[in-house]
Amino acid sequence: MRYVQLLIKSDIERSDSERKAFLYILSSSESLYNKLNLVYNLSKNQVIFFNQKLKGEFTVSERLLLRLAYNLFNGYADEYTTPRETFHFDDDIRFIAFNAILTRFNAEMSIKLINAKS
């Protein structure tokens, strides 16, 4: 429900899978959703790039998800933004990460096209 609310509030283009994936991750937990204004400006519909001063504001798992969100948005990468690091966490984090990746790369559409050709 939070994800749908963010999509409506942000009024992003339907094809903007980068922002959709970013917002999906931010809506994935109540804690990240409540910190939305630290990393996303809804009124300007802009991603706010992570400031190291904010590091203490987020848990380890939230930082992992934020790194993934930035990676899916603009290709951001660091030593921790790897599939191994992302999928090393619990099932909830893996579920969020997997769905964000599917959202970013429009996997649903790809699956439909593959099924249509079969």
C-alpha atoms as a PDB file:
ATOM      1  CA  MET A   1       0.000   0.000   0.000  1.00  0.00           C
ATOM      2  CA  ARG A   2       2.871   2.406   0.823  1.00  0.00           C
ATOM      3  CA  TYR A   3       4.374   1.711  -2.607  1.00  0.00           C
ATOM      4  CA  VAL A   4       1.155   2.611  -4.416  1.00  0.00           C
ATOM      5  CA  GLN A   5       0.852   5.784  -2.328  1.00  0.00           C
ATOM      6  CA  LEU A   6       4.392   6.807  -3.293  1.00  0.00           C
ATOM      7  CA  LEU A   7       3.717   6.146  -6.974  1.00  0.00           C
ATOM      8  CA  ILE A   8       0.598   8.317  -6.818  1.00  0.00           C
ATOM      9  CA  LYS A   9       2.301  11.119  -4.847  1.00  0.00           C
ATOM     10  CA  SER A  10       5.373  11.154  -7.068  1.00  0.00           C
ATOM     11  CA  ASP A  11       3.369  11.064 -10.305  1.00  0.00           C
ATOM     12  CA  ILE A  12       6.294   9.476 -12.155  1.00  0.00           C
ATOM     13  CA  GLU A  13       6.118   8.318 -15.727  1.00  0.00           C
ATOM     14  CA  ARG A  14       4.849   4.794 -16.175  1.00  0.00           C
ATOM     15  CA  SER A  15       8.092   3.811 -17.894  1.00  0.00           C
ATOM     16  CA  ASP A  16      10.344   5.203 -15.127  1.00  0.00           C
ATOM     17  CA  SER A  17      11.429   1.836 -13.767  1.00  0.00           C
ATOM     18  CA  GLU A  18      14.482   3.361 -12.046  1.00  0.00           C
ATOM     19  CA  ARG A  19      12.354   5.518  -9.748  1.00  0.00           C
ATOM     20  CA  LYS A  20       9.787   2.754  -9.320  1.00  0.00           C
ATOM     21  CA  ALA A  21      12.495   0.414  -8.014  1.00  0.00           C
ATOM     22  CA  PHE A  22      13.866   3.167  -5.754  1.00  0.00           C
ATOM     23  CA  LEU A  23      10.421   3.900  -4.320  1.00  0.00           C
ATOM     24  CA  TYR A  24       9.656   0.197  -3.969  1.00  0.00           C
ATOM     25  CA  ILE A  25      12.663  -0.207  -1.701  1.00  0.00           C
ATOM     26  CA  LEU A  26      11.768   2.900   0.313  1.00  0.00           C
ATOM     27  CA  SER A  27       8.238   1.633   0.802  1.00  0.00           C
ATOM     28  CA  SER A  28       9.386  -1.852   1.792  1.00  0.00           C
ATOM     29  CA  SER A  29       9.630  -1.129   5.496  1.00  0.00           C
ATOM     30  CA  GLU A  30       7.908   1.307   7.792  1.00  0.00           C
ATOM     31  CA  SER A  31      11.255   2.549   9.038  1.00  0.00           C
ATOM     32  CA  LEU A  32      12.608   3.367   5.557  1.00  0.00           C
ATOM     33  CA  TYR A  33       9.275   4.864   4.575  1.00  0.00           C
ATOM     34  CA  ASN A  34       9.401   7.155   7.616  1.00  0.00           C
ATOM     35  CA  LYS A  35      12.887   8.325   6.565  1.00  0.00           C
ATOM     36  CA  LEU A  36      11.846   8.953   2.973  1.00  0.00           C
ATOM     37  CA  ASN A  37      12.520  12.693   3.151  1.00  0.00           C
ATOM     38  CA  LEU A  38      16.210  12.007   3.859  1.00  0.00           C
ATOM     39  CA  VAL A  39      16.723  10.338   0.478  1.00  0.00           C
ATOM     40  CA  TYR A  40      13.829  11.427  -1.760  1.00  0.00           C
ATOM     41  CA  ASN A  41      12.132  14.763  -2.384  1.00  0.00           C
ATOM     42  CA  LEU A  42       8.529  13.993  -3.338  1.00  0.00           C
ATOM     43  CA  SER A  43       7.620  17.593  -4.191  1.00  0.00           C
ATOM     44  CA  LYS A  44      10.484  17.821  -6.722  1.00  0.00           C
ATOM     45  CA  ASN A  45      10.363  14.106  -7.562  1.00  0.00           C
ATOM     46  CA  GLN A  46      14.120  13.868  -7.026  1.00  0.00           C
ATOM     47  CA  VAL A  47      16.435  11.354  -5.472  1.00  0.00           C
ATOM     48  CA  ILE A  48      18.640  12.903  -2.791  1.00  0.00           C
ATOM     49  CA  PHE A  49      22.026  11.292  -2.919  1.00  0.00           C
ATOM     50  CA  PHE A  50      23.114   9.620   0.278  1.00  0.00           C
ATOM     51  CA  ASN A  51      25.208  11.783   2.544  1.00  0.00           C
ATOM     52  CA  GLN A  52      27.691   9.983   4.798  1.00  0.00           C
ATOM     53  CA  LYS A  53      26.521  12.221   7.658  1.00  0.00           C
ATOM     54  CA  LEU A  54      23.215  10.330   7.507  1.00  0.00           C
ATOM     55  CA  LYS A  55      24.883   6.948   7.965  1.00  0.00           C
ATOM     56  CA  GLY A  56      23.841   6.816  11.635  1.00  0.00           C
ATOM     57  CA  GLU A  57      20.205   7.377  10.696  1.00  0.00           C
ATOM     58  CA  PHE A  58      19.896   3.962   9.054  1.00  0.00           C
ATOM     59  CA  THR A  59      20.376   0.388  10.240  1.00  0.00           C
ATOM     60  CA  VAL A  60      22.834  -1.918   8.479  1.00  0.00           C
ATOM     61  CA  SER A  61      20.048  -3.608   6.507  1.00  0.00           C
ATOM     62  CA  GLU A  62      18.493  -0.236   5.593  1.00  0.00           C
ATOM     63  CA  ARG A  63      21.868   0.981   4.287  1.00  0.00           C
ATOM     64  CA  LEU A  64      22.177  -2.204   2.242  1.00  0.00           C
ATOM     65  CA  LEU A  65      18.751  -1.629   0.705  1.00  0.00           C
ATOM     66  CA  LEU A  66      19.533   2.035   0.064  1.00  0.00           C
ATOM     67  CA  ARG A  67      22.756   1.109  -1.738  1.00  0.00           C
ATOM     68  CA  LEU A  68      20.746  -1.272  -3.887  1.00  0.00           C
ATOM     69  CA  ALA A  69      18.126   1.451  -4.505  1.00  0.00           C
ATOM     70  CA  TYR A  70      20.827   3.880  -5.662  1.00  0.00           C
ATOM     71  CA  ASN A  71      22.397   1.157  -7.789  1.00  0.00           C
ATOM     72  CA  LEU A  72      19.113   0.405  -9.510  1.00  0.00           C
ATOM     73  CA  PHE A  73      18.452   4.127  -9.947  1.00  0.00           C
ATOM     74  CA  ASN A  74      21.776   5.259 -11.403  1.00  0.00           C
ATOM     75  CA  GLY A  75      24.301   2.417 -11.317  1.00  0.00           C
ATOM     76  CA  TYR A  76      25.864   3.450  -7.989  1.00  0.00           C
ATOM     77  CA  ALA A  77      28.294   0.824  -6.776  1.00  0.00           C
ATOM     78  CA  ASP A  78      30.678   0.341  -3.910  1.00  0.00           C
ATOM     79  CA  GLU A  79      32.339  -2.646  -2.292  1.00  0.00           C
ATOM     80  CA  TYR A  80      29.085  -3.541  -0.531  1.00  0.00           C
ATOM     81  CA  THR A  81      26.749  -3.233  -3.506  1.00  0.00           C
ATOM     82  CA  THR A  82      27.087  -6.765  -4.763  1.00  0.00           C
ATOM     83  CA  PRO A  83      24.641  -9.627  -5.177  1.00  0.00           C
ATOM     84  CA  ARG A  84      26.540 -11.555  -2.529  1.00  0.00           C
ATOM     85  CA  GLU A  85      26.158  -8.790   0.052  1.00  0.00           C
ATOM     86  CA  THR A  86      22.542  -8.150  -0.868  1.00  0.00           C
ATOM     87  CA  PHE A  87      21.423 -11.756  -0.797  1.00  0.00           C
ATOM     88  CA  HIS A  88      23.490 -12.613   2.284  1.00  0.00           C
ATOM     89  CA  PHE A  89      20.808 -11.098   4.525  1.00  0.00           C
ATOM     90  CA  ASP A  90      17.525 -12.624   5.677  1.00  0.00           C
ATOM     91  CA  ASP A  91      14.583 -13.697   3.535  1.00  0.00           C
ATOM     92  CA  ASP A  92      12.799 -10.345   3.912  1.00  0.00           C
ATOM     93  CA  ILE A  93      15.785  -8.422   2.507  1.00  0.00           C
ATOM     94  CA  ARG A  94      16.214 -10.941  -0.321  1.00  0.00           C
ATOM     95  CA  PHE A  95      12.511 -10.659  -1.169  1.00  0.00           C
ATOM     96  CA  ILE A  96      12.685  -6.856  -1.279  1.00  0.00           C
ATOM     97  CA  ALA A  97      15.904  -6.908  -3.324  1.00  0.00           C
ATOM     98  CA  PHE A  98      14.580  -9.453  -5.804  1.00  0.00           C
ATOM     99  CA  ASN A  99      11.329  -7.561  -6.366  1.00  0.00           C
ATOM    100  CA  ALA A 100      13.159  -4.244  -6.720  1.00  0.00           C
ATOM    101  CA  ILE A 101      15.404  -5.785  -9.380  1.00  0.00           C
ATOM    102  CA  LEU A 102      12.367  -7.175 -11.197  1.00  0.00           C
ATOM    103  CA  THR A 103      10.720  -3.751 -10.990  1.00  0.00           C
ATOM    104  CA  ARG A 104      13.801  -1.977 -12.326  1.00  0.00           C
ATOM    105  CA  PHE A 105      14.267  -4.251 -15.296  1.00  0.00           C
ATOM    106  CA  ASN A 106      10.596  -4.622 -16.140  1.00  0.00           C
ATOM    107  CA  ALA A 107      10.781  -8.373 -15.626  1.00  0.00           C
ATOM    108  CA  GLU A 108       7.013  -8.728 -15.531  1.00  0.00           C
ATOM    109  CA  MET A 109       6.811  -7.488 -19.104  1.00  0.00           C
ATOM    110  CA  SER A 110       9.663  -9.799 -20.150  1.00  0.00           C
ATOM    111  CA  ILE A 111       7.941 -12.798 -18.577  1.00  0.00           C
ATOM    112  CA  LYS A 112       4.700 -11.951 -20.378  1.00  0.00           C
ATOM    113  CA  LEU A 113       6.546 -11.703 -23.693  1.00  0.00           C
ATOM    114  CA  ILE A 114       8.325 -15.013 -23.126  1.00  0.00           C
ATOM    115  CA  ASN A 115       5.040 -16.739 -22.243  1.00  0.00           C
ATOM    116  CA  ALA A 116       3.355 -15.234 -25.295  1.00  0.00           C
ATOM    117  CA  LYS A 117       6.028 -16.716 -27.580  1.00  0.00           C
ATOM    118  CA  SER A 118       5.731 -20.218 -26.055  1.00  0.00           C
END
